[in-house]
Amino acid sequence: MADARRQLRSGTVALGGVGLLAAALTACSSDPDKRCVDRDSYNLSKGYEIVGDKNCKSATTVDGAYYYGGKKKSGWVKGGSFTKPGKKSGSSSSSGGSGVDRGGFGSGDSGDGGSGKGSSGG
């Protein structure tokens, strides 16, 4: 009888652990802090007014758009962006470079070979 009870408890613990893991993964959605806001409601001190998701999913009288990040306070959100955050981390460049621009005097952008010398040729 003790073995059956012990086996039942271990099964419950295993199922409970799987449930917690599923809940944690669900909470980490692909669009963190995504809110539908009214683009026309911007207030310098408050930010954008949060509206219902229906305003971002279909055409309504409200100019709704998804707003990512920011801090929510009393039905308003501020400090985020309308640009959806990317999946990748790190920097990238359209030219295939390292994503770091070290340009300036003598960087080679002017066609003088990057010698850093003036037009006198030195």
N, C-alpha and C. Protein backbone atom coordinates (compact mmCIF):
# COMPACT_ATOMS: atom_id res chain seq x y z
N MET A 1 0.82 -1.20 0.00
CA MET A 1 0.00 0.00 0.00
C MET A 1 0.86 1.25 0.00
N ALA A 2 1.97 1.22 0.75
CA ALA A 2 2.86 2.37 0.80
C ALA A 2 3.52 2.60 -0.55
N ASP A 3 3.83 1.51 -1.27
CA ASP A 3 4.45 1.66 -2.59
C ASP A 3 3.50 2.33 -3.58
N ALA A 4 2.23 1.98 -3.53
CA ALA A 4 1.25 2.57 -4.44
C ALA A 4 1.09 4.06 -4.16
N ARG A 5 1.07 4.43 -2.88
CA ARG A 5 0.93 5.83 -2.52
C ARG A 5 2.16 6.63 -2.95
N ARG A 6 3.35 6.06 -2.73
CA ARG A 6 4.59 6.73 -3.12
C ARG A 6 4.64 6.91 -4.64
N GLN A 7 4.20 5.90 -5.36
CA GLN A 7 4.21 5.98 -6.82
C GLN A 7 3.23 7.05 -7.30
N LEU A 8 2.09 7.16 -6.66
CA LEU A 8 1.11 8.17 -7.03
C LEU A 8 1.66 9.58 -6.78
N ARG A 9 2.34 9.79 -5.66
CA ARG A 9 2.90 11.10 -5.36
C ARG A 9 3.98 11.49 -6.37
N SER A 10 4.82 10.55 -6.76
CA SER A 10 5.88 10.88 -7.72
C SER A 10 5.29 11.21 -9.08
N GLY A 11 4.22 10.54 -9.46
CA GLY A 11 3.54 10.85 -10.72
C GLY A 11 2.92 12.23 -10.69
N THR A 12 2.36 12.60 -9.55
CA THR A 12 1.76 13.92 -9.40
C THR A 12 2.82 15.01 -9.49
N VAL A 13 3.96 14.76 -8.87
CA VAL A 13 5.06 15.73 -8.92
C VAL A 13 5.55 15.90 -10.35
N ALA A 14 5.68 14.80 -11.08
CA ALA A 14 6.15 14.88 -12.47
C ALA A 14 5.15 15.65 -13.33
N LEU A 15 3.85 15.37 -13.17
CA LEU A 15 2.85 16.08 -13.95
C LEU A 15 2.79 17.56 -13.57
N GLY A 16 2.95 17.85 -12.30
CA GLY A 16 2.97 19.24 -11.86
C GLY A 16 4.15 19.99 -12.43
N GLY A 17 5.30 19.34 -12.50
CA GLY A 17 6.50 19.97 -13.07
C GLY A 17 6.34 20.27 -14.55
N VAL A 18 5.71 19.35 -15.29
CA VAL A 18 5.47 19.56 -16.71
C VAL A 18 4.50 20.72 -16.91
N GLY A 19 3.50 20.80 -16.04
CA GLY A 19 2.54 21.91 -16.13
C GLY A 19 3.20 23.25 -15.88
N LEU A 20 4.09 23.31 -14.90
CA LEU A 20 4.81 24.55 -14.62
C LEU A 20 5.70 24.94 -15.79
N LEU A 21 6.37 23.97 -16.39
CA LEU A 21 7.22 24.24 -17.54
C LEU A 21 6.40 24.77 -18.71
N ALA A 22 5.25 24.17 -18.95
CA ALA A 22 4.38 24.63 -20.04
C ALA A 22 3.89 26.05 -19.79
N ALA A 23 3.53 26.35 -18.55
CA ALA A 23 3.08 27.70 -18.22
C ALA A 23 4.19 28.71 -18.40
N ALA A 24 5.41 28.34 -18.02
CA ALA A 24 6.54 29.25 -18.16
C ALA A 24 6.84 29.52 -19.64
N LEU A 25 6.79 28.50 -20.47
CA LEU A 25 7.06 28.69 -21.89
C LEU A 25 5.96 29.50 -22.57
N THR A 26 4.73 29.34 -22.14
CA THR A 26 3.63 30.10 -22.70
C THR A 26 3.76 31.57 -22.34
N ALA A 27 4.23 31.83 -21.13
CA ALA A 27 4.40 33.22 -20.68
C ALA A 27 5.47 33.94 -21.49
N CYS A 28 6.43 33.21 -22.02
CA CYS A 28 7.51 33.80 -22.83
C CYS A 28 7.07 33.79 -24.28
N SER A 29 6.12 34.62 -24.64
CA SER A 29 5.62 34.64 -26.00
C SER A 29 6.63 35.30 -26.93
N SER A 30 6.36 35.20 -28.23
CA SER A 30 7.29 35.75 -29.21
C SER A 30 7.21 37.27 -29.31
N ASP A 31 6.14 37.86 -28.82
CA ASP A 31 5.98 39.31 -28.87
C ASP A 31 5.85 39.87 -27.46
N PRO A 32 6.95 40.04 -26.77
CA PRO A 32 6.86 40.54 -25.40
C PRO A 32 6.39 41.99 -25.37
N ASP A 33 5.52 42.30 -24.46
CA ASP A 33 5.02 43.66 -24.25
C ASP A 33 4.46 44.29 -25.53
N LYS A 34 3.66 43.54 -26.26
CA LYS A 34 3.01 44.06 -27.46
C LYS A 34 1.63 44.58 -27.06
N ARG A 35 1.37 45.84 -27.35
CA ARG A 35 0.10 46.46 -26.99
C ARG A 35 -0.45 47.21 -28.19
N CYS A 36 -1.75 47.22 -28.31
CA CYS A 36 -2.41 47.99 -29.37
C CYS A 36 -2.65 49.40 -28.83
N VAL A 37 -2.17 50.39 -29.55
CA VAL A 37 -2.32 51.78 -29.12
C VAL A 37 -2.95 52.61 -30.22
N ASP A 38 -3.47 53.76 -29.84
CA ASP A 38 -4.01 54.74 -30.79
C ASP A 38 -2.88 55.69 -31.18
N ARG A 39 -2.47 55.64 -32.44
CA ARG A 39 -1.36 56.49 -32.89
C ARG A 39 -1.66 57.98 -32.74
N ASP A 40 -2.92 58.35 -32.81
CA ASP A 40 -3.30 59.75 -32.75
C ASP A 40 -3.42 60.28 -31.32
N SER A 41 -3.20 59.43 -30.33
CA SER A 41 -3.42 59.85 -28.94
C SER A 41 -2.15 60.27 -28.22
N TYR A 42 -1.06 60.48 -28.93
CA TYR A 42 0.22 60.75 -28.26
C TYR A 42 0.15 61.98 -27.36
N ASN A 43 0.67 61.80 -26.15
CA ASN A 43 0.76 62.87 -25.16
C ASN A 43 2.19 62.87 -24.67
N LEU A 44 2.84 64.01 -24.63
CA LEU A 44 4.25 64.11 -24.27
C LEU A 44 4.55 63.49 -22.91
N SER A 45 3.69 63.70 -21.95
CA SER A 45 3.97 63.18 -20.60
C SER A 45 3.47 61.75 -20.39
N LYS A 46 2.44 61.33 -21.14
CA LYS A 46 1.85 60.00 -20.93
C LYS A 46 2.28 58.97 -21.96
N GLY A 47 2.51 59.38 -23.19
CA GLY A 47 2.84 58.46 -24.28
C GLY A 47 1.62 58.20 -25.14
N TYR A 48 1.35 56.91 -25.48
CA TYR A 48 0.22 56.53 -26.33
C TYR A 48 -0.84 55.83 -25.49
N GLU A 49 -2.10 56.09 -25.82
CA GLU A 49 -3.21 55.45 -25.11
C GLU A 49 -3.39 54.02 -25.61
N ILE A 50 -3.50 53.08 -24.69
CA ILE A 50 -3.72 51.67 -25.03
C ILE A 50 -5.19 51.48 -25.35
N VAL A 51 -5.46 50.81 -26.49
CA VAL A 51 -6.83 50.54 -26.92
C VAL A 51 -6.99 49.03 -27.12
N GLY A 52 -8.19 48.59 -27.39
CA GLY A 52 -8.47 47.17 -27.60
C GLY A 52 -7.76 46.61 -28.83
N ASP A 53 -7.42 45.32 -28.78
CA ASP A 53 -6.72 44.66 -29.90
C ASP A 53 -7.51 44.70 -31.20
N LYS A 54 -8.83 44.79 -31.11
CA LYS A 54 -9.65 44.83 -32.34
C LYS A 54 -9.28 46.02 -33.21
N ASN A 55 -8.77 47.10 -32.59
CA ASN A 55 -8.38 48.29 -33.34
C ASN A 55 -7.11 48.08 -34.15
N CYS A 56 -6.32 47.06 -33.82
CA CYS A 56 -5.11 46.76 -34.58
C CYS A 56 -5.32 45.63 -35.58
N LYS A 57 -6.41 44.89 -35.42
CA LYS A 57 -6.65 43.73 -36.29
C LYS A 57 -7.56 44.04 -37.46
N SER A 58 -8.36 45.08 -37.34
CA SER A 58 -9.26 45.44 -38.45
C SER A 58 -9.40 46.96 -38.50
N ALA A 59 -9.95 47.44 -39.60
CA ALA A 59 -10.11 48.88 -39.78
C ALA A 59 -11.22 49.39 -38.87
N THR A 60 -10.87 50.36 -38.05
CA THR A 60 -11.84 51.00 -37.16
C THR A 60 -11.64 52.51 -37.24
N THR A 61 -12.39 53.24 -36.45
CA THR A 61 -12.24 54.69 -36.43
C THR A 61 -10.97 55.11 -35.70
N VAL A 62 -10.36 54.20 -34.95
CA VAL A 62 -9.12 54.47 -34.22
C VAL A 62 -7.95 54.05 -35.11
N ASP A 63 -6.91 54.88 -35.16
CA ASP A 63 -5.71 54.55 -35.91
C ASP A 63 -4.83 53.65 -35.03
N GLY A 64 -5.21 52.38 -34.95
CA GLY A 64 -4.53 51.45 -34.06
C GLY A 64 -3.29 50.84 -34.69
N ALA A 65 -2.27 50.64 -33.86
CA ALA A 65 -1.03 50.00 -34.29
C ALA A 65 -0.41 49.32 -33.07
N TYR A 66 0.35 48.25 -33.32
CA TYR A 66 1.01 47.57 -32.21
C TYR A 66 2.25 48.35 -31.79
N TYR A 67 2.43 48.45 -30.49
CA TYR A 67 3.53 49.20 -29.87
C TYR A 67 4.28 48.21 -28.99
N TYR A 68 5.57 48.12 -29.16
CA TYR A 68 6.39 47.12 -28.48
C TYR A 68 7.24 47.76 -27.39
N GLY A 69 7.28 47.09 -26.24
CA GLY A 69 8.11 47.56 -25.14
C GLY A 69 7.48 48.73 -24.43
N GLY A 70 8.29 49.50 -23.76
CA GLY A 70 7.82 50.67 -23.04
C GLY A 70 7.29 50.30 -21.67
N LYS A 71 6.88 51.33 -20.96
CA LYS A 71 6.33 51.15 -19.62
C LYS A 71 4.86 51.54 -19.63
N LYS A 72 4.05 50.64 -19.08
CA LYS A 72 2.61 50.85 -19.02
C LYS A 72 2.25 51.53 -17.70
N LYS A 73 1.40 52.55 -17.80
CA LYS A 73 0.94 53.24 -16.59
C LYS A 73 -0.45 53.82 -16.84
N SER A 74 -1.42 53.34 -16.09
CA SER A 74 -2.80 53.85 -16.13
C SER A 74 -3.39 53.91 -17.53
N GLY A 75 -3.26 52.85 -18.31
CA GLY A 75 -3.86 52.81 -19.64
C GLY A 75 -3.06 53.51 -20.72
N TRP A 76 -1.85 53.93 -20.40
CA TRP A 76 -0.97 54.59 -21.36
C TRP A 76 0.36 53.85 -21.37
N VAL A 77 1.09 53.93 -22.48
CA VAL A 77 2.41 53.31 -22.58
C VAL A 77 3.38 54.31 -23.20
N LYS A 78 4.60 54.29 -22.69
CA LYS A 78 5.60 55.27 -23.12
C LYS A 78 6.98 54.61 -23.14
N GLY A 79 7.81 55.02 -24.07
CA GLY A 79 9.20 54.57 -24.10
C GLY A 79 9.46 53.34 -24.94
N GLY A 80 8.52 52.96 -25.79
CA GLY A 80 8.71 51.79 -26.65
C GLY A 80 8.90 52.18 -28.09
N SER A 81 8.44 51.29 -28.99
CA SER A 81 8.63 51.52 -30.42
C SER A 81 7.52 50.83 -31.21
N PHE A 82 7.22 51.34 -32.38
CA PHE A 82 6.28 50.69 -33.29
C PHE A 82 6.97 49.61 -34.10
N THR A 83 8.27 49.52 -34.00
CA THR A 83 9.04 48.51 -34.73
C THR A 83 9.12 47.24 -33.91
N LYS A 84 8.73 46.13 -34.53
CA LYS A 84 8.78 44.84 -33.85
C LYS A 84 10.23 44.43 -33.62
N PRO A 85 10.56 44.04 -32.37
CA PRO A 85 11.94 43.64 -32.12
C PRO A 85 12.32 42.40 -32.93
N GLY A 86 13.57 42.35 -33.39
CA GLY A 86 14.03 41.24 -34.20
C GLY A 86 14.25 39.99 -33.38
N LYS A 87 14.29 38.85 -34.06
CA LYS A 87 14.52 37.56 -33.42
C LYS A 87 15.99 37.36 -33.08
N LYS A 88 16.88 37.92 -33.92
CA LYS A 88 18.31 37.71 -33.74
C LYS A 88 18.89 38.75 -32.80
N SER A 89 19.96 38.38 -32.13
CA SER A 89 20.67 39.35 -31.30
C SER A 89 21.97 39.72 -31.99
N GLY A 90 22.54 40.83 -31.60
CA GLY A 90 23.80 41.26 -32.22
C GLY A 90 23.53 42.28 -33.30
N SER A 91 24.58 42.67 -33.97
CA SER A 91 24.43 43.69 -35.00
C SER A 91 24.63 43.09 -36.36
N SER A 92 24.10 43.77 -37.36
CA SER A 92 24.28 43.32 -38.72
C SER A 92 24.44 44.53 -39.61
N SER A 93 24.91 44.29 -40.81
CA SER A 93 25.11 45.38 -41.75
C SER A 93 24.69 44.90 -43.12
N SER A 94 24.14 45.78 -43.93
CA SER A 94 23.69 45.39 -45.26
C SER A 94 24.87 45.08 -46.17
N SER A 95 26.07 45.59 -45.86
CA SER A 95 27.22 45.33 -46.70
C SER A 95 27.97 44.08 -46.27
N GLY A 96 27.46 43.40 -45.24
CA GLY A 96 28.11 42.17 -44.80
C GLY A 96 29.25 42.42 -43.84
N GLY A 97 29.42 43.66 -43.38
CA GLY A 97 30.50 43.99 -42.47
C GLY A 97 30.19 43.58 -41.04
N SER A 98 30.98 44.09 -40.13
CA SER A 98 30.82 43.72 -38.73
C SER A 98 29.74 44.51 -38.04
N GLY A 99 29.18 45.50 -38.69
CA GLY A 99 28.14 46.31 -38.08
C GLY A 99 28.72 47.48 -37.30
N VAL A 100 30.03 47.64 -37.29
CA VAL A 100 30.68 48.74 -36.58
C VAL A 100 31.28 49.67 -37.61
N ASP A 101 30.96 50.96 -37.53
CA ASP A 101 31.48 51.94 -38.47
C ASP A 101 32.59 52.73 -37.79
N ARG A 102 33.78 52.58 -38.29
CA ARG A 102 34.93 53.29 -37.72
C ARG A 102 35.42 54.36 -38.70
N GLY A 103 34.48 54.99 -39.38
CA GLY A 103 34.84 56.01 -40.36
C GLY A 103 35.36 57.27 -39.70
N GLY A 104 35.85 58.18 -40.53
CA GLY A 104 36.40 59.44 -40.05
C GLY A 104 37.52 59.86 -40.97
N PHE A 105 38.37 60.74 -40.52
CA PHE A 105 39.47 61.19 -41.35
C PHE A 105 40.40 60.03 -41.66
N GLY A 106 40.68 59.85 -42.95
CA GLY A 106 41.60 58.80 -43.37
C GLY A 106 41.02 57.41 -43.32
N SER A 107 39.69 57.29 -43.33
CA SER A 107 39.08 55.96 -43.25
C SER A 107 39.03 55.28 -44.60
N GLY A 108 39.40 55.97 -45.66
CA GLY A 108 39.40 55.36 -46.98
C GLY A 108 38.12 55.59 -47.74
N ASP A 109 37.18 56.32 -47.21
CA ASP A 109 35.92 56.54 -47.89
C ASP A 109 36.03 57.56 -49.01
N SER A 110 37.07 58.40 -49.03
CA SER A 110 37.18 59.46 -50.04
C SER A 110 37.92 59.02 -51.28
N GLY A 111 38.37 57.79 -51.33
CA GLY A 111 39.04 57.29 -52.51
C GLY A 111 40.54 57.55 -52.52
N ASP A 112 41.11 58.07 -51.45
CA ASP A 112 42.56 58.33 -51.43
C ASP A 112 43.34 57.15 -50.89
N GLY A 113 42.71 55.98 -50.80
CA GLY A 113 43.43 54.80 -50.36
C GLY A 113 43.50 54.69 -48.85
N GLY A 114 42.91 55.60 -48.14
CA GLY A 114 42.89 55.52 -46.69
C GLY A 114 44.20 55.87 -46.04
N SER A 115 45.03 56.63 -46.73
CA SER A 115 46.34 56.96 -46.17
C SER A 115 46.26 58.00 -45.08
N GLY A 116 45.18 58.76 -45.07
CA GLY A 116 45.03 59.79 -44.05
C GLY A 116 45.76 61.07 -44.41
N LYS A 117 46.38 61.12 -45.58
CA LYS A 117 47.11 62.31 -46.01
C LYS A 117 46.18 63.24 -46.77
N GLY A 118 46.50 64.46 -46.82
CA GLY A 118 45.70 65.44 -47.53
C GLY A 118 45.89 65.32 -49.02
N SER A 119 45.34 66.28 -49.77
CA SER A 119 45.43 66.23 -51.21
C SER A 119 46.79 66.60 -51.74
N SER A 120 47.69 67.08 -50.88
CA SER A 120 49.01 67.47 -51.33
C SER A 120 49.88 66.26 -51.66
N GLY A 121 49.52 65.09 -51.17
CA GLY A 121 50.28 63.88 -51.51
C GLY A 121 51.53 63.71 -50.70
N GLY A 122 51.85 64.62 -49.85
CA GLY A 122 52.84 64.53 -48.87
C GLY A 122 54.23 64.51 -49.00
